[in-house]
Amino acid sequence: MPGNETRRTLPRLNAENTLTQVVDLSNEAEIFLNQFSVPLSELTATVNKLNQQLLALSQVNKSLVTFNVNFGRILQGIRLNSECTEYPEKPRESTYALAARPRTPSLQPPTPPSPPLQQQHSLAYDDPDFHNNDMAHNNGSFSGAERRPRANAQGPKSGIIKGSSRIPSNQKRATIKRKQVFNTKRITDVLPTRYRGQPHKGAIELILKELHANQDGMYLHEVMRDVRGNLTRSKCTEYLNMLTREGHIVRMSKKGHLFLLKRENSPN
């Protein structure tokens, strides 16, 4: 029957159409993938590069955090130092002049140079006594018995050769005794027990010598500049305050703390 044949052929046609549609869809998917494969690969590479850059930025951030912490500690130390440090006055022209001042010269008087040997012979040759003795010796009339009474008649010699500007040794010793170096031992021996030993004693002696050399007084920064060495500001302040308490120096408030050595402690 014609109707039954028609019903039998319809399912076969539907299966063929479905297969054709599936094949078409797979082709379209392949075409789609072929079109977007290159952009997708570029996007993947870009994302990987961005990931590496983000890791580097994270490391930079950690380094900046460490720097901020350390720099904050430096600023905190500067602030604490500014709170603990006292500045008596701001620098002036006279301050720079004091900084350029040379070191205090040695207080030991220089030894006068001795005249050369040729000059000593010429001075002795100009002495008339030298000529008289020489002539008497050549004439044979100068004996040992006659030499002793003449020496007694002349009396004690002064020790000065005529025509010479040299200072005799005994007078030179007296001059040196009059210009003695400032003796710090009489002050350091009566200090508290803690300051009698080293290194305190050596630093205190240097401070006393500088104060003795500068009779008009010295400020704290001047003492530290002239003493030099490894004397810190706190140690220098401690020694000056101790000497003030013991009555060896005087502290005056004159545009800051001015320290002077007492008159009775200075030999001049």
Protein backbone atom coordinates (compact mmCIF):
# COMPACT_ATOMS: atom_id res chain seq x y z
CA MET A 1 0.00 0.00 0.00
CA PRO A 2 1.29 3.41 -0.85
CA GLY A 3 0.52 4.91 2.55
CA ASN A 4 2.46 2.26 4.42
CA GLU A 5 5.53 2.73 2.20
CA THR A 6 5.52 6.40 2.93
CA ARG A 7 5.46 5.80 6.66
CA ARG A 8 8.43 3.40 6.39
CA THR A 9 10.71 5.82 4.49
CA LEU A 10 10.17 8.87 6.74
CA PRO A 11 12.20 7.62 9.75
CA ARG A 12 15.12 6.83 7.48
CA LEU A 13 15.11 10.35 6.10
CA ASN A 14 15.00 11.87 9.63
CA ALA A 15 18.10 9.91 10.73
CA GLU A 16 20.06 11.07 7.73
CA ASN A 17 19.12 14.71 8.37
CA THR A 18 20.18 14.45 12.03
CA LEU A 19 23.58 13.02 11.09
CA THR A 20 24.10 15.81 8.60
CA GLN A 21 23.29 18.42 11.24
CA VAL A 22 25.77 16.89 13.72
CA VAL A 23 28.52 16.93 11.12
CA ASP A 24 27.79 20.57 10.37
CA LEU A 25 27.96 21.49 14.07
CA SER A 26 31.33 19.79 14.54
CA ASN A 27 32.71 21.64 11.55
CA GLU A 28 31.51 24.95 12.95
CA ALA A 29 33.12 24.20 16.35
CA GLU A 30 36.40 23.36 14.66
CA ILE A 31 36.25 26.56 12.65
CA PHE A 32 35.49 28.50 15.87
CA LEU A 33 38.43 26.94 17.68
CA ASN A 34 40.74 27.62 14.77
CA GLN A 35 39.75 31.28 14.77
CA PHE A 36 40.26 31.84 18.54
CA SER A 37 43.25 29.57 19.20
CA VAL A 38 45.84 32.29 18.49
CA PRO A 39 44.20 34.98 20.68
CA LEU A 40 43.70 32.47 23.47
CA SER A 41 47.38 31.47 23.42
CA GLU A 42 48.42 35.15 23.49
CA LEU A 43 46.06 35.78 26.40
CA THR A 44 47.56 32.84 28.31
CA ALA A 45 51.12 34.17 27.80
CA THR A 46 50.06 37.66 28.90
CA VAL A 47 48.42 36.33 32.06
CA ASN A 48 51.57 34.36 32.94
CA LYS A 49 53.70 37.50 32.43
CA LEU A 50 51.33 39.51 34.61
CA ASN A 51 51.62 36.87 37.33
CA GLN A 52 55.43 37.21 37.32
CA GLN A 53 55.20 41.00 37.53
CA LEU A 54 52.79 40.79 40.45
CA LEU A 55 55.24 38.54 42.29
CA ALA A 56 58.02 41.11 41.69
CA LEU A 57 55.76 43.91 42.96
CA SER A 58 55.04 41.88 46.08
CA GLN A 59 58.79 41.56 46.75
CA VAL A 60 59.25 45.32 46.23
CA ASN A 61 56.44 45.97 48.70
CA LYS A 62 58.12 43.77 51.33
CA SER A 63 61.42 45.63 50.82
CA LEU A 64 59.68 49.00 51.21
CA VAL A 65 58.04 47.83 54.43
CA THR A 66 61.47 46.83 55.83
CA PHE A 67 62.95 50.19 54.76
CA ASN A 68 60.11 52.12 56.41
CA VAL A 69 60.62 50.26 59.69
CA ASN A 70 64.39 50.91 59.74
CA PHE A 71 64.02 54.54 58.68
CA GLY A 72 61.43 55.05 61.40
CA ARG A 73 63.95 53.77 63.96
CA ILE A 74 66.55 56.25 62.66
CA LEU A 75 64.09 59.13 63.00
CA GLN A 76 63.19 57.97 66.50
CA GLY A 77 66.88 57.95 67.46
CA ILE A 78 67.36 61.46 66.05
CA ARG A 79 64.36 62.71 68.01
CA LEU A 80 65.62 61.15 71.25
CA ASN A 81 69.08 62.63 70.67
CA SER A 82 67.60 66.09 70.10
CA GLU A 83 65.67 65.79 73.36
CA CYS A 84 68.73 64.66 75.36
CA THR A 85 71.22 67.15 73.85
CA GLU A 86 71.53 70.71 75.15
CA TYR A 87 72.92 73.43 72.88
CA PRO A 88 74.04 76.51 74.87
CA GLU A 89 73.90 78.81 71.87
CA LYS A 90 73.79 78.76 68.11
CA PRO A 91 77.09 79.13 66.23
CA ARG A 92 78.34 82.69 65.76
CA GLU A 93 81.33 84.27 64.01
CA SER A 94 83.32 84.07 67.24
CA THR A 95 82.52 80.36 67.49
CA TYR A 96 84.09 79.71 64.09
CA ALA A 97 87.07 81.83 65.11
CA LEU A 98 87.52 79.68 68.22
CA ALA A 99 87.32 76.53 66.11
CA ALA A 100 90.14 77.86 63.93
CA ARG A 101 92.30 78.70 66.96
CA PRO A 102 95.52 76.64 67.15
CA ARG A 103 96.19 74.20 69.94
CA THR A 104 97.56 75.47 73.27
CA PRO A 105 101.38 75.51 73.09
CA SER A 106 103.46 73.62 75.62
CA LEU A 107 103.96 75.40 78.93
CA GLN A 108 107.55 74.13 79.30
CA PRO A 109 109.96 77.06 78.66
CA PRO A 110 112.28 76.40 75.71
CA THR A 111 115.92 75.69 76.51
CA PRO A 112 118.16 78.46 75.16
CA PRO A 113 120.56 77.13 72.51
CA SER A 114 124.18 76.89 73.52
CA PRO A 115 126.67 78.90 71.43
CA PRO A 116 128.90 76.92 69.09
CA LEU A 117 132.32 75.76 70.22
CA GLN A 118 134.13 78.31 68.07
CA GLN A 119 132.22 81.17 69.75
CA GLN A 120 133.16 79.85 73.21
CA HIS A 121 136.83 79.89 72.24
CA SER A 122 136.53 83.44 70.91
CA LEU A 123 134.82 84.60 74.13
CA ALA A 124 137.56 83.07 76.24
CA TYR A 125 140.20 84.66 74.03
CA ASP A 126 138.68 88.12 74.63
CA ASP A 127 138.96 87.71 78.44
CA PRO A 128 141.94 89.77 79.80
CA ASP A 129 142.52 87.25 82.62
CA PHE A 130 143.03 84.61 79.99
CA HIS A 131 145.79 86.70 78.37
CA ASN A 132 147.49 87.44 81.74
CA ASN A 133 147.54 83.79 82.72
CA ASP A 134 148.86 82.80 79.33
CA MET A 135 151.67 85.36 79.45
CA ALA A 136 152.67 84.41 83.02
CA HIS A 137 152.77 80.76 82.02
CA ASN A 138 155.03 81.48 79.06
CA ASN A 139 157.43 83.63 81.18
CA GLY A 140 157.81 80.90 83.81
CA SER A 141 156.76 83.24 86.66
CA PHE A 142 153.38 81.57 87.25
CA SER A 143 153.73 78.86 89.92
CA GLY A 144 151.23 76.77 91.80
CA ALA A 145 152.02 78.53 95.09
CA GLU A 146 151.26 81.94 93.60
CA ARG A 147 148.07 80.77 91.87
CA ARG A 148 146.18 79.92 95.07
CA PRO A 149 146.43 83.35 96.86
CA ARG A 150 145.33 85.12 93.67
CA ALA A 151 142.31 82.91 93.38
CA ASN A 152 141.36 83.70 96.99
CA ALA A 153 141.85 87.43 96.44
CA GLN A 154 139.52 87.50 93.50
CA GLY A 155 136.71 85.90 95.51
CA PRO A 156 134.08 83.56 94.07
CA LYS A 157 133.63 83.88 90.33
CA SER A 158 130.25 84.87 89.08
CA GLY A 159 130.27 82.15 86.42
CA ILE A 160 129.56 84.65 83.61
CA ILE A 161 132.15 84.99 80.85
CA LYS A 162 132.72 88.58 79.85
CA GLY A 163 131.13 89.49 76.55
CA SER A 164 128.81 86.47 76.64
CA SER A 165 125.02 86.63 76.73
CA ARG A 166 124.62 83.08 78.04
CA ILE A 167 122.66 82.54 81.25
CA PRO A 168 124.63 80.57 83.88
CA SER A 169 123.34 77.14 84.77
CA ASN A 170 122.33 78.04 88.34
CA GLN A 171 120.34 81.08 87.15
CA LYS A 172 118.75 78.96 84.41
CA ARG A 173 117.58 76.43 86.98
CA ALA A 174 116.07 79.21 89.08
CA THR A 175 114.21 80.55 86.03
CA ILE A 176 112.79 77.14 85.27
CA LYS A 177 111.65 76.77 88.86
CA ARG A 178 109.78 80.08 88.68
CA LYS A 179 107.93 78.95 85.51
CA GLN A 180 106.76 75.55 86.63
CA VAL A 181 104.22 73.59 84.62
CA PHE A 182 100.73 73.57 86.11
CA ASN A 183 100.68 70.65 88.57
CA THR A 184 97.39 68.77 88.43
CA LYS A 185 98.43 66.13 90.98
CA ARG A 186 97.42 68.23 93.97
CA ILE A 187 93.87 68.34 92.56
CA THR A 188 93.55 64.76 91.33
CA ASP A 189 94.86 63.35 94.62
CA VAL A 190 91.92 64.83 96.56
CA LEU A 191 89.21 63.79 94.11
CA PRO A 192 86.69 61.07 95.00
CA THR A 193 88.11 57.55 94.86
CA ARG A 194 86.34 56.68 91.61
CA TYR A 195 88.11 59.46 89.68
CA ARG A 196 91.65 58.79 90.95
CA GLY A 197 92.29 55.85 88.64
CA GLN A 198 92.58 55.57 84.89
CA PRO A 199 91.04 56.41 82.49
CA HIS A 200 89.22 59.06 84.55
CA LYS A 201 92.40 60.61 85.95
CA GLY A 202 94.04 61.18 82.56
CA ALA A 203 90.95 62.85 81.08
CA ILE A 204 90.52 65.10 84.14
CA GLU A 205 94.19 66.18 83.95
CA LEU A 206 93.74 67.19 80.31
CA ILE A 207 90.63 69.21 81.19
CA LEU A 208 92.46 71.00 84.03
CA LYS A 209 95.40 71.86 81.76
CA GLU A 210 93.11 73.33 79.12
CA LEU A 211 91.26 75.41 81.74
CA HIS A 212 94.61 76.61 83.11
CA ALA A 213 95.77 77.60 79.63
CA ASN A 214 92.53 79.53 79.00
CA GLN A 215 92.13 81.75 82.05
CA ASP A 216 89.05 83.48 80.57
CA GLY A 217 87.08 80.25 80.78
CA MET A 218 85.88 77.66 78.28
CA TYR A 219 82.51 76.34 77.18
CA LEU A 220 81.71 72.64 77.07
CA HIS A 221 82.16 72.35 73.29
CA GLU A 222 85.51 74.16 73.53
CA VAL A 223 86.77 71.74 76.18
CA MET A 224 85.71 68.74 74.07
CA ARG A 225 87.37 70.24 70.98
CA ASP A 226 90.74 70.97 72.66
CA VAL A 227 90.94 67.80 74.77
CA ARG A 228 90.12 65.56 71.78
CA GLY A 229 90.66 61.83 72.35
CA ASN A 230 87.74 59.48 73.03
CA LEU A 231 86.04 61.82 75.51
CA THR A 232 82.28 61.79 74.94
CA ARG A 233 79.96 64.68 75.71
CA SER A 234 78.37 62.89 78.67
CA LYS A 235 81.78 62.02 80.21
CA CYS A 236 83.07 65.57 79.75
CA THR A 237 79.92 66.94 81.41
CA GLU A 238 80.30 64.46 84.27
CA TYR A 239 83.94 65.48 84.93
CA LEU A 240 83.16 69.21 84.79
CA ASN A 241 80.20 68.85 87.15
CA MET A 242 82.32 66.79 89.56
CA LEU A 243 85.13 69.38 89.57
CA THR A 244 82.52 72.08 90.18
CA ARG A 245 81.04 70.19 93.13
CA GLU A 246 84.50 69.63 94.61
CA GLY A 247 85.23 73.37 94.37
CA HIS A 248 88.18 73.20 91.94
CA ILE A 249 86.48 75.09 89.09
CA VAL A 250 83.66 77.63 88.81
CA ARG A 251 80.66 77.37 86.50
CA MET A 252 79.10 80.61 85.25
CA SER A 253 75.89 81.06 83.26
CA LYS A 254 77.05 83.30 80.42
CA LYS A 255 75.29 82.41 77.16
CA GLY A 256 75.63 78.85 78.30
CA HIS A 257 77.80 77.23 80.98
CA LEU A 258 81.27 78.82 81.15
CA PHE A 259 83.85 76.91 83.24
CA LEU A 260 86.82 78.67 84.88
CA LEU A 261 89.69 77.37 86.99
CA LYS A 262 89.76 78.86 90.49
CA ARG A 263 92.50 81.41 91.19
CA GLU A 264 93.95 79.50 94.12
CA ASN A 265 94.43 76.43 91.89
CA SER A 266 96.43 78.39 89.30
CA PRO A 267 100.14 79.06 90.03
CA ASN A 268 100.07 82.27 87.94
